[in-house]
mmCIF file of all heavy atoms, coordinates in Angstrom:
data_MODEL
# 
_entry.id   MODEL 
# 
loop_
_atom_site.group_PDB 
_atom_site.id 
_atom_site.type_symbol 
_atom_site.label_atom_id 
_atom_site.label_alt_id 
_atom_site.label_comp_id 
_atom_site.label_asym_id 
_atom_site.label_entity_id 
_atom_site.label_seq_id 
_atom_site.pdbx_PDB_ins_code 
_atom_site.Cartn_x 
_atom_site.Cartn_y 
_atom_site.Cartn_z 
_atom_site.occupancy 
_atom_site.B_iso_or_equiv 
_atom_site.pdbx_formal_charge 
_atom_site.auth_seq_id 
_atom_site.auth_comp_id 
_atom_site.auth_asym_id 
_atom_site.auth_atom_id 
_atom_site.pdbx_PDB_model_num 
ATOM 1   N N   . THR A 1 1  ? 12.843  -10.442 -1.304  1.00 0.00 ? 1  THR A N   1 
ATOM 2   C CA  . THR A 1 1  ? 13.916  -10.082 -2.234  1.00 0.00 ? 1  THR A CA  1 
ATOM 3   C C   . THR A 1 1  ? 13.414  -9.726  -3.625  1.00 0.00 ? 1  THR A C   1 
ATOM 4   O O   . THR A 1 1  ? 14.221  -9.474  -4.502  1.00 0.00 ? 1  THR A O   1 
ATOM 5   C CB  . THR A 1 1  ? 14.924  -11.237 -2.344  1.00 0.00 ? 1  THR A CB  1 
ATOM 6   O OG1 . THR A 1 1  ? 14.238  -12.408 -2.818  1.00 0.00 ? 1  THR A OG1 1 
ATOM 7   C CG2 . THR A 1 1  ? 15.566  -11.539 -1.005  1.00 0.00 ? 1  THR A CG2 1 
ATOM 8   N N   . ASP A 1 2  ? 12.089  -9.722  -3.843  1.00 0.00 ? 2  ASP A N   1 
ATOM 9   C CA  . ASP A 1 2  ? 11.569  -9.393  -5.175  1.00 0.00 ? 2  ASP A CA  1 
ATOM 10  C C   . ASP A 1 2  ? 11.875  -7.944  -5.528  1.00 0.00 ? 2  ASP A C   1 
ATOM 11  O O   . ASP A 1 2  ? 11.898  -7.062  -4.665  1.00 0.00 ? 2  ASP A O   1 
ATOM 12  C CB  . ASP A 1 2  ? 10.057  -9.620  -5.235  1.00 0.00 ? 2  ASP A CB  1 
ATOM 13  C CG  . ASP A 1 2  ? 9.710   -11.097 -5.325  1.00 0.00 ? 2  ASP A CG  1 
ATOM 14  O OD1 . ASP A 1 2  ? 10.637  -11.921 -5.206  1.00 0.00 ? 2  ASP A OD1 1 
ATOM 15  O OD2 . ASP A 1 2  ? 8.530   -11.422 -5.496  1.00 0.00 ? 2  ASP A OD2 1 
ATOM 16  N N   . GLU A 1 3  ? 12.092  -7.711  -6.828  1.00 0.00 ? 3  GLU A N   1 
ATOM 17  C CA  . GLU A 1 3  ? 12.359  -6.365  -7.320  1.00 0.00 ? 3  GLU A CA  1 
ATOM 18  C C   . GLU A 1 3  ? 11.211  -5.811  -8.148  1.00 0.00 ? 3  GLU A C   1 
ATOM 19  O O   . GLU A 1 3  ? 11.195  -4.627  -8.449  1.00 0.00 ? 3  GLU A O   1 
ATOM 20  C CB  . GLU A 1 3  ? 13.642  -6.368  -8.160  1.00 0.00 ? 3  GLU A CB  1 
ATOM 21  C CG  . GLU A 1 3  ? 14.885  -6.746  -7.346  1.00 0.00 ? 3  GLU A CG  1 
ATOM 22  C CD  . GLU A 1 3  ? 16.139  -6.729  -8.181  1.00 0.00 ? 3  GLU A CD  1 
ATOM 23  O OE1 . GLU A 1 3  ? 16.027  -6.486  -9.410  1.00 0.00 ? 3  GLU A OE1 1 
ATOM 24  O OE2 . GLU A 1 3  ? 17.231  -6.951  -7.626  1.00 0.00 ? 3  GLU A OE2 1 
ATOM 25  N N   . GLU A 1 4  ? 10.262  -6.656  -8.541  1.00 0.00 ? 4  GLU A N   1 
ATOM 26  C CA  . GLU A 1 4  ? 9.108   -6.216  -9.325  1.00 0.00 ? 4  GLU A CA  1 
ATOM 27  C C   . GLU A 1 4  ? 7.836   -6.810  -8.717  1.00 0.00 ? 4  GLU A C   1 
ATOM 28  O O   . GLU A 1 4  ? 7.849   -7.966  -8.280  1.00 0.00 ? 4  GLU A O   1 
ATOM 29  C CB  . GLU A 1 4  ? 9.245   -6.653  -10.782 1.00 0.00 ? 4  GLU A CB  1 
ATOM 30  C CG  . GLU A 1 4  ? 10.395  -5.987  -11.512 1.00 0.00 ? 4  GLU A CG  1 
ATOM 31  C CD  . GLU A 1 4  ? 10.454  -6.389  -12.970 1.00 0.00 ? 4  GLU A CD  1 
ATOM 32  O OE1 . GLU A 1 4  ? 9.573   -7.187  -13.382 1.00 0.00 ? 4  GLU A OE1 1 
ATOM 33  O OE2 . GLU A 1 4  ? 11.344  -5.931  -13.682 1.00 0.00 ? 4  GLU A OE2 1 
ATOM 34  N N   . PRO A 1 5  ? 6.745   -6.055  -8.707  1.00 0.00 ? 5  PRO A N   1 
ATOM 35  C CA  . PRO A 1 5  ? 5.481   -6.589  -8.166  1.00 0.00 ? 5  PRO A CA  1 
ATOM 36  C C   . PRO A 1 5  ? 4.962   -7.737  -9.013  1.00 0.00 ? 5  PRO A C   1 
ATOM 37  O O   . PRO A 1 5  ? 5.101   -7.729  -10.241 1.00 0.00 ? 5  PRO A O   1 
ATOM 38  C CB  . PRO A 1 5  ? 4.535   -5.388  -8.224  1.00 0.00 ? 5  PRO A CB  1 
ATOM 39  C CG  . PRO A 1 5  ? 5.403   -4.200  -8.402  1.00 0.00 ? 5  PRO A CG  1 
ATOM 40  C CD  . PRO A 1 5  ? 6.619   -4.657  -9.121  1.00 0.00 ? 5  PRO A CD  1 
ATOM 41  N N   . HIS A 1 6  ? 4.343   -8.737  -8.376  1.00 0.00 ? 6  HIS A N   1 
ATOM 42  C CA  . HIS A 1 6  ? 3.823   -9.878  -9.113  1.00 0.00 ? 6  HIS A CA  1 
ATOM 43  C C   . HIS A 1 6  ? 2.299   -9.824  -9.268  1.00 0.00 ? 6  HIS A C   1 
ATOM 44  O O   . HIS A 1 6  ? 1.723   -10.725 -9.869  1.00 0.00 ? 6  HIS A O   1 
ATOM 45  C CB  . HIS A 1 6  ? 4.217   -11.198 -8.426  1.00 0.00 ? 6  HIS A CB  1 
ATOM 46  C CG  . HIS A 1 6  ? 3.517   -11.442 -7.121  1.00 0.00 ? 6  HIS A CG  1 
ATOM 47  N ND1 . HIS A 1 6  ? 4.037   -11.006 -5.938  1.00 0.00 ? 6  HIS A ND1 1 
ATOM 48  C CD2 . HIS A 1 6  ? 2.336   -12.039 -6.820  1.00 0.00 ? 6  HIS A CD2 1 
ATOM 49  C CE1 . HIS A 1 6  ? 3.210   -11.351 -4.956  1.00 0.00 ? 6  HIS A CE1 1 
ATOM 50  N NE2 . HIS A 1 6  ? 2.174   -11.970 -5.462  1.00 0.00 ? 6  HIS A NE2 1 
ATOM 51  N N   . ASP A 1 7  ? 1.651   -8.785  -8.740  1.00 0.00 ? 7  ASP A N   1 
ATOM 52  C CA  . ASP A 1 7  ? 0.216   -8.621  -8.990  1.00 0.00 ? 7  ASP A CA  1 
ATOM 53  C C   . ASP A 1 7  ? -0.143  -7.138  -8.895  1.00 0.00 ? 7  ASP A C   1 
ATOM 54  O O   . ASP A 1 7  ? 0.648   -6.309  -8.447  1.00 0.00 ? 7  ASP A O   1 
ATOM 55  C CB  . ASP A 1 7  ? -0.630  -9.477  -8.037  1.00 0.00 ? 7  ASP A CB  1 
ATOM 56  C CG  . ASP A 1 7  ? -0.415  -9.114  -6.580  1.00 0.00 ? 7  ASP A CG  1 
ATOM 57  O OD1 . ASP A 1 7  ? -0.371  -7.918  -6.266  1.00 0.00 ? 7  ASP A OD1 1 
ATOM 58  O OD2 . ASP A 1 7  ? -0.292  -10.023 -5.752  1.00 0.00 ? 7  ASP A OD2 1 
ATOM 59  N N   . ARG A 1 8  ? -1.355  -6.825  -9.333  1.00 0.00 ? 8  ARG A N   1 
ATOM 60  C CA  . ARG A 1 8  ? -1.785  -5.425  -9.387  1.00 0.00 ? 8  ARG A CA  1 
ATOM 61  C C   . ARG A 1 8  ? -2.009  -4.836  -8.001  1.00 0.00 ? 8  ARG A C   1 
ATOM 62  O O   . ARG A 1 8  ? -1.889  -3.617  -7.815  1.00 0.00 ? 8  ARG A O   1 
ATOM 63  C CB  . ARG A 1 8  ? -3.068  -5.321  -10.201 1.00 0.00 ? 8  ARG A CB  1 
ATOM 64  C CG  . ARG A 1 8  ? -2.897  -5.709  -11.658 1.00 0.00 ? 8  ARG A CG  1 
ATOM 65  C CD  . ARG A 1 8  ? -4.200  -5.557  -12.410 1.00 0.00 ? 8  ARG A CD  1 
ATOM 66  N NE  . ARG A 1 8  ? -4.051  -5.917  -13.826 1.00 0.00 ? 8  ARG A NE  1 
ATOM 67  C CZ  . ARG A 1 8  ? -5.039  -5.913  -14.699 1.00 0.00 ? 8  ARG A CZ  1 
ATOM 68  N NH1 . ARG A 1 8  ? -6.259  -5.559  -14.300 1.00 0.00 ? 8  ARG A NH1 1 
ATOM 69  N NH2 . ARG A 1 8  ? -4.828  -6.250  -15.951 1.00 0.00 ? 8  ARG A NH2 1 
ATOM 70  N N   . ALA A 1 9  ? -2.361  -5.677  -7.041  1.00 0.00 ? 9  ALA A N   1 
ATOM 71  C CA  . ALA A 1 9  ? -2.618  -5.167  -5.698  1.00 0.00 ? 9  ALA A CA  1 
ATOM 72  C C   . ALA A 1 9  ? -1.369  -4.535  -5.100  1.00 0.00 ? 9  ALA A C   1 
ATOM 73  O O   . ALA A 1 9  ? -1.449  -3.543  -4.368  1.00 0.00 ? 9  ALA A O   1 
ATOM 74  C CB  . ALA A 1 9  ? -3.124  -6.299  -4.808  1.00 0.00 ? 9  ALA A CB  1 
ATOM 75  N N   . ILE A 1 10 ? -0.199  -5.099  -5.396  1.00 0.00 ? 10 ILE A N   1 
ATOM 76  C CA  . ILE A 1 10 ? 1.042   -4.506  -4.883  1.00 0.00 ? 10 ILE A CA  1 
ATOM 77  C C   . ILE A 1 10 ? 1.273   -3.138  -5.496  1.00 0.00 ? 10 ILE A C   1 
ATOM 78  O O   . ILE A 1 10 ? 1.707   -2.199  -4.819  1.00 0.00 ? 10 ILE A O   1 
ATOM 79  C CB  . ILE A 1 10 ? 2.226   -5.454  -5.162  1.00 0.00 ? 10 ILE A CB  1 
ATOM 80  C CG1 . ILE A 1 10 ? 2.012   -6.789  -4.460  1.00 0.00 ? 10 ILE A CG1 1 
ATOM 81  C CG2 . ILE A 1 10 ? 3.532   -4.825  -4.687  1.00 0.00 ? 10 ILE A CG2 1 
ATOM 82  C CD1 . ILE A 1 10 ? 3.079   -7.813  -4.739  1.00 0.00 ? 10 ILE A CD1 1 
ATOM 83  N N   . TRP A 1 11 ? 0.973   -2.995  -6.800  1.00 0.00 ? 11 TRP A N   1 
ATOM 84  C CA  . TRP A 1 11 ? 1.079   -1.678  -7.431  1.00 0.00 ? 11 TRP A CA  1 
ATOM 85  C C   . TRP A 1 11 ? 0.157   -0.679  -6.736  1.00 0.00 ? 11 TRP A C   1 
ATOM 86  O O   . TRP A 1 11 ? 0.540   0.467   -6.490  1.00 0.00 ? 11 TRP A O   1 
ATOM 87  C CB  . TRP A 1 11 ? 0.718   -1.773  -8.917  1.00 0.00 ? 11 TRP A CB  1 
ATOM 88  C CG  . TRP A 1 11 ? 1.818   -2.274  -9.801  1.00 0.00 ? 11 TRP A CG  1 
ATOM 89  C CD1 . TRP A 1 11 ? 1.856   -3.434  -10.508 1.00 0.00 ? 11 TRP A CD1 1 
ATOM 90  C CD2 . TRP A 1 11 ? 3.057   -1.600  -10.061 1.00 0.00 ? 11 TRP A CD2 1 
ATOM 91  N NE1 . TRP A 1 11 ? 3.043   -3.541  -11.196 1.00 0.00 ? 11 TRP A NE1 1 
ATOM 92  C CE2 . TRP A 1 11 ? 3.795   -2.422  -10.942 1.00 0.00 ? 11 TRP A CE2 1 
ATOM 93  C CE3 . TRP A 1 11 ? 3.615   -0.398  -9.639  1.00 0.00 ? 11 TRP A CE3 1 
ATOM 94  C CZ2 . TRP A 1 11 ? 5.058   -2.086  -11.413 1.00 0.00 ? 11 TRP A CZ2 1 
ATOM 95  C CZ3 . TRP A 1 11 ? 4.881   -0.055  -10.100 1.00 0.00 ? 11 TRP A CZ3 1 
ATOM 96  C CH2 . TRP A 1 11 ? 5.588   -0.879  -10.966 1.00 0.00 ? 11 TRP A CH2 1 
ATOM 97  N N   . ARG A 1 12 ? -1.071  -1.110  -6.414  1.00 0.00 ? 12 ARG A N   1 
ATOM 98  C CA  . ARG A 1 12 ? -2.011  -0.234  -5.724  1.00 0.00 ? 12 ARG A CA  1 
ATOM 99  C C   . ARG A 1 12 ? -1.464  0.189   -4.370  1.00 0.00 ? 12 ARG A C   1 
ATOM 100 O O   . ARG A 1 12 ? -1.571  1.357   -3.977  1.00 0.00 ? 12 ARG A O   1 
ATOM 101 C CB  . ARG A 1 12 ? -3.348  -0.943  -5.552  1.00 0.00 ? 12 ARG A CB  1 
ATOM 102 C CG  . ARG A 1 12 ? -4.136  -1.137  -6.834  1.00 0.00 ? 12 ARG A CG  1 
ATOM 103 C CD  . ARG A 1 12 ? -5.377  -1.959  -6.594  1.00 0.00 ? 12 ARG A CD  1 
ATOM 104 N NE  . ARG A 1 12 ? -6.154  -1.431  -5.495  1.00 0.00 ? 12 ARG A NE  1 
ATOM 105 C CZ  . ARG A 1 12 ? -6.761  -2.184  -4.574  1.00 0.00 ? 12 ARG A CZ  1 
ATOM 106 N NH1 . ARG A 1 12 ? -6.660  -3.493  -4.614  1.00 0.00 ? 12 ARG A NH1 1 
ATOM 107 N NH2 . ARG A 1 12 ? -7.455  -1.625  -3.617  1.00 0.00 ? 12 ARG A NH2 1 
ATOM 108 N N   . ALA A 1 13 ? -0.882  -0.755  -3.651  1.00 0.00 ? 13 ALA A N   1 
ATOM 109 C CA  . ALA A 1 13 ? -0.340  -0.433  -2.332  1.00 0.00 ? 13 ALA A CA  1 
ATOM 110 C C   . ALA A 1 13 ? 0.864   0.495   -2.433  1.00 0.00 ? 13 ALA A C   1 
ATOM 111 O O   . ALA A 1 13 ? 1.050   1.387   -1.595  1.00 0.00 ? 13 ALA A O   1 
ATOM 112 C CB  . ALA A 1 13 ? 0.051   -1.724  -1.610  1.00 0.00 ? 13 ALA A CB  1 
ATOM 113 N N   . MET A 1 14 ? 1.686   0.298   -3.472  1.00 0.00 ? 14 MET A N   1 
ATOM 114 C CA  . MET A 1 14 ? 2.859   1.166   -3.647  1.00 0.00 ? 14 MET A CA  1 
ATOM 115 C C   . MET A 1 14 ? 2.467   2.592   -4.004  1.00 0.00 ? 14 MET A C   1 
ATOM 116 O O   . MET A 1 14 ? 3.162   3.553   -3.641  1.00 0.00 ? 14 MET A O   1 
ATOM 117 C CB  . MET A 1 14 ? 3.772   0.570   -4.723  1.00 0.00 ? 14 MET A CB  1 
ATOM 118 C CG  . MET A 1 14 ? 4.411   -0.756  -4.328  1.00 0.00 ? 14 MET A CG  1 
ATOM 119 S SD  . MET A 1 14 ? 5.325   -1.553  -5.675  1.00 0.00 ? 14 MET A SD  1 
ATOM 120 C CE  . MET A 1 14 ? 6.636   -0.365  -5.955  1.00 0.00 ? 14 MET A CE  1 
ATOM 121 N N   . LEU A 1 15 ? 1.355   2.740   -4.719  1.00 0.00 ? 15 LEU A N   1 
ATOM 122 C CA  . LEU A 1 15 ? 0.898   4.071   -5.123  1.00 0.00 ? 15 LEU A CA  1 
ATOM 123 C C   . LEU A 1 15 ? -0.040  4.711   -4.104  1.00 0.00 ? 15 LEU A C   1 
ATOM 124 O O   . LEU A 1 15 ? -0.380  5.887   -4.239  1.00 0.00 ? 15 LEU A O   1 
ATOM 125 C CB  . LEU A 1 15 ? 0.192   3.984   -6.481  1.00 0.00 ? 15 LEU A CB  1 
ATOM 126 C CG  . LEU A 1 15 ? 1.062   3.489   -7.655  1.00 0.00 ? 15 LEU A CG  1 
ATOM 127 C CD1 . LEU A 1 15 ? 0.202   3.345   -8.910  1.00 0.00 ? 15 LEU A CD1 1 
ATOM 128 C CD2 . LEU A 1 15 ? 2.214   4.448   -7.904  1.00 0.00 ? 15 LEU A CD2 1 
ATOM 129 N N   . ALA A 1 16 ? -0.467  3.950   -3.100  1.00 0.00 ? 16 ALA A N   1 
ATOM 130 C CA  . ALA A 1 16 ? -1.418  4.467   -2.113  1.00 0.00 ? 16 ALA A CA  1 
ATOM 131 C C   . ALA A 1 16 ? -0.751  5.438   -1.154  1.00 0.00 ? 16 ALA A C   1 
ATOM 132 O O   . ALA A 1 16 ? 0.427   5.298   -0.815  1.00 0.00 ? 16 ALA A O   1 
ATOM 133 C CB  . ALA A 1 16 ? -2.043  3.312   -1.338  1.00 0.00 ? 16 ALA A CB  1 
ATOM 134 N N   . ARG A 1 17 ? -1.510  6.421   -0.712  1.00 0.00 ? 17 ARG A N   1 
ATOM 135 C CA  . ARG A 1 17 ? -1.055  7.380   0.304   1.00 0.00 ? 17 ARG A CA  1 
ATOM 136 C C   . ARG A 1 17 ? -2.017  7.274   1.477   1.00 0.00 ? 17 ARG A C   1 
ATOM 137 O O   . ARG A 1 17 ? -3.002  7.999   1.560   1.00 0.00 ? 17 ARG A O   1 
ATOM 138 C CB  . ARG A 1 17 ? -1.027  8.802   -0.278  1.00 0.00 ? 17 ARG A CB  1 
ATOM 139 C CG  . ARG A 1 17 ? -0.040  8.991   -1.405  1.00 0.00 ? 17 ARG A CG  1 
ATOM 140 C CD  . ARG A 1 17 ? 1.390   8.879   -0.913  1.00 0.00 ? 17 ARG A CD  1 
ATOM 141 N NE  . ARG A 1 17 ? 2.361   9.064   -1.980  1.00 0.00 ? 17 ARG A NE  1 
ATOM 142 C CZ  . ARG A 1 17 ? 2.894   8.081   -2.671  1.00 0.00 ? 17 ARG A CZ  1 
ATOM 143 N NH1 . ARG A 1 17 ? 2.531   6.829   -2.409  1.00 0.00 ? 17 ARG A NH1 1 
ATOM 144 N NH2 . ARG A 1 17 ? 3.781   8.303   -3.614  1.00 0.00 ? 17 ARG A NH2 1 
ATOM 145 N N   . TYR A 1 18 ? -1.716  6.329   2.351   1.00 0.00 ? 18 TYR A N   1 
ATOM 146 C CA  . TYR A 1 18 ? -2.652  6.019   3.431   1.00 0.00 ? 18 TYR A CA  1 
ATOM 147 C C   . TYR A 1 18 ? -2.264  6.755   4.705   1.00 0.00 ? 18 TYR A C   1 
ATOM 148 O O   . TYR A 1 18 ? -1.084  6.790   5.092   1.00 0.00 ? 18 TYR A O   1 
ATOM 149 C CB  . TYR A 1 18 ? -2.667  4.511   3.687   1.00 0.00 ? 18 TYR A CB  1 
ATOM 150 C CG  . TYR A 1 18 ? -3.550  4.112   4.836   1.00 0.00 ? 18 TYR A CG  1 
ATOM 151 C CD1 . TYR A 1 18 ? -4.936  4.175   4.732   1.00 0.00 ? 18 TYR A CD1 1 
ATOM 152 C CD2 . TYR A 1 18 ? -2.994  3.675   6.036   1.00 0.00 ? 18 TYR A CD2 1 
ATOM 153 C CE1 . TYR A 1 18 ? -5.744  3.814   5.786   1.00 0.00 ? 18 TYR A CE1 1 
ATOM 154 C CE2 . TYR A 1 18 ? -3.799  3.305   7.096   1.00 0.00 ? 18 TYR A CE2 1 
ATOM 155 C CZ  . TYR A 1 18 ? -5.173  3.381   6.970   1.00 0.00 ? 18 TYR A CZ  1 
ATOM 156 O OH  . TYR A 1 18 ? -5.975  3.025   8.021   1.00 0.00 ? 18 TYR A OH  1 
ATOM 157 N N   . VAL A 1 19 ? -3.249  7.328   5.340   1.00 0.00 ? 19 VAL A N   1 
ATOM 158 C CA  . VAL A 1 19 ? -3.062  8.003   6.629   1.00 0.00 ? 19 VAL A CA  1 
ATOM 159 C C   . VAL A 1 19 ? -3.904  7.259   7.665   1.00 0.00 ? 19 VAL A C   1 
ATOM 160 O O   . VAL A 1 19 ? -5.110  7.042   7.446   1.00 0.00 ? 19 VAL A O   1 
ATOM 161 C CB  . VAL A 1 19 ? -3.503  9.486   6.562   1.00 0.00 ? 19 VAL A CB  1 
ATOM 162 C CG1 . VAL A 1 19 ? -3.333  10.145  7.918   1.00 0.00 ? 19 VAL A CG1 1 
ATOM 163 C CG2 . VAL A 1 19 ? -2.706  10.223  5.494   1.00 0.00 ? 19 VAL A CG2 1 
ATOM 164 N N   . PRO A 1 20 ? -3.320  6.816   8.775   1.00 0.00 ? 20 PRO A N   1 
ATOM 165 C CA  . PRO A 1 20 ? -4.098  6.083   9.800   1.00 0.00 ? 20 PRO A CA  1 
ATOM 166 C C   . PRO A 1 20 ? -5.297  6.891   10.276  1.00 0.00 ? 20 PRO A C   1 
ATOM 167 O O   . PRO A 1 20 ? -5.286  8.131   10.298  1.00 0.00 ? 20 PRO A O   1 
ATOM 168 C CB  . PRO A 1 20 ? -3.069  5.874   10.924  1.00 0.00 ? 20 PRO A CB  1 
ATOM 169 C CG  . PRO A 1 20 ? -1.742  5.923   10.239  1.00 0.00 ? 20 PRO A CG  1 
ATOM 170 C CD  . PRO A 1 20 ? -1.895  6.921   9.121   1.00 0.00 ? 20 PRO A CD  1 
ATOM 171 N N   . ASN A 1 21 ? -6.314  6.166   10.621  1.00 0.00 ? 21 ASN A N   1 
ATOM 172 C CA  . ASN A 1 21 ? -7.558  6.788   11.070  1.00 0.00 ? 21 ASN A CA  1 
ATOM 173 C C   . ASN A 1 21 ? -7.322  7.577   12.356  1.00 0.00 ? 21 ASN A C   1 
ATOM 174 O O   . ASN A 1 21 ? -6.937  7.021   13.395  1.00 0.00 ? 21 ASN A O   1 
ATOM 175 C CB  . ASN A 1 21 ? -8.617  5.703   11.300  1.00 0.00 ? 21 ASN A CB  1 
ATOM 176 C CG  . ASN A 1 21 ? -9.987  6.289   11.548  1.00 0.00 ? 21 ASN A CG  1 
ATOM 177 O OD1 . ASN A 1 21 ? -10.162 7.509   11.604  1.00 0.00 ? 21 ASN A OD1 1 
ATOM 178 N ND2 . ASN A 1 21 ? -10.962 5.412   11.693  1.00 0.00 ? 21 ASN A ND2 1 
ATOM 179 N N   . LYS A 1 22 ? -7.556  8.872   12.291  1.00 0.00 ? 22 LYS A N   1 
ATOM 180 C CA  . LYS A 1 22 ? -7.322  9.723   13.462  1.00 0.00 ? 22 LYS A CA  1 
ATOM 181 C C   . LYS A 1 22 ? -8.434  9.602   14.494  1.00 0.00 ? 22 LYS A C   1 
ATOM 182 O O   . LYS A 1 22 ? -8.266  10.014  15.649  1.00 0.00 ? 22 LYS A O   1 
ATOM 183 C CB  . LYS A 1 22 ? -7.188  11.191  13.019  1.00 0.00 ? 22 LYS A CB  1 
ATOM 184 C CG  . LYS A 1 22 ? -5.976  11.442  12.124  1.00 0.00 ? 22 LYS A CG  1 
ATOM 185 C CD  . LYS A 1 22 ? -5.885  12.914  11.749  1.00 0.00 ? 22 LYS A CD  1 
ATOM 186 C CE  . LYS A 1 22 ? -4.663  13.171  10.888  1.00 0.00 ? 22 LYS A CE  1 
ATOM 187 N NZ  . LYS A 1 22 ? -4.548  14.609  10.495  1.00 0.00 ? 22 LYS A NZ  1 
ATOM 188 N N   . GLY A 1 23 ? -9.563  9.045   14.085  1.00 0.00 ? 23 GLY A N   1 
ATOM 189 C CA  . GLY A 1 23 ? -10.667 8.895   15.014  1.00 0.00 ? 23 GLY A CA  1 
ATOM 190 C C   . GLY A 1 23 ? -10.499 7.727   15.977  1.00 0.00 ? 23 GLY A C   1 
ATOM 191 O O   . GLY A 1 23 ? -11.278 7.609   16.932  1.00 0.00 ? 23 GLY A O   1 
ATOM 192 N N   . VAL A 1 24 ? -9.497  6.886   15.748  1.00 0.00 ? 24 VAL A N   1 
ATOM 193 C CA  . VAL A 1 24 ? -9.267  5.740   16.634  1.00 0.00 ? 24 VAL A CA  1 
ATOM 194 C C   . VAL A 1 24 ? -8.562  6.221   17.897  1.00 0.00 ? 24 VAL A C   1 
ATOM 195 O O   . VAL A 1 24 ? -7.530  6.897   17.832  1.00 0.00 ? 24 VAL A O   1 
ATOM 196 C CB  . VAL A 1 24 ? -8.436  4.658   15.917  1.00 0.00 ? 24 VAL A CB  1 
ATOM 197 C CG1 . VAL A 1 24 ? -8.170  3.494   16.863  1.00 0.00 ? 24 VAL A CG1 1 
ATOM 198 C CG2 . VAL A 1 24 ? -9.153  4.185   14.674  1.00 0.00 ? 24 VAL A CG2 1 
ATOM 199 N N   . THR A 1 25 ? -9.086  5.862   19.035  1.00 0.00 ? 25 THR A N   1 
ATOM 200 C CA  . THR A 1 25 ? -8.495  6.252   20.316  1.00 0.00 ? 25 THR A CA  1 
ATOM 201 C C   . THR A 1 25 ? -7.924  5.031   21.018  1.00 0.00 ? 25 THR A C   1 
ATOM 202 O O   . THR A 1 25 ? -8.171  3.890   20.630  1.00 0.00 ? 25 THR A O   1 
ATOM 203 C CB  . THR A 1 25 ? -9.561  6.909   21.207  1.00 0.00 ? 25 THR A CB  1 
ATOM 204 O OG1 . THR A 1 25 ? -10.642 5.973   21.422  1.00 0.00 ? 25 THR A OG1 1 
ATOM 205 C CG2 . THR A 1 25 ? -10.120 8.163   20.550  1.00 0.00 ? 25 THR A CG2 1 
# 
């Protein structure tokens, strides 16, 4: 239910644009 991040790692995750590894079969 939090509305604001409580550490910098959450900010990093919110700004990240992650694409799953396509090399995984």
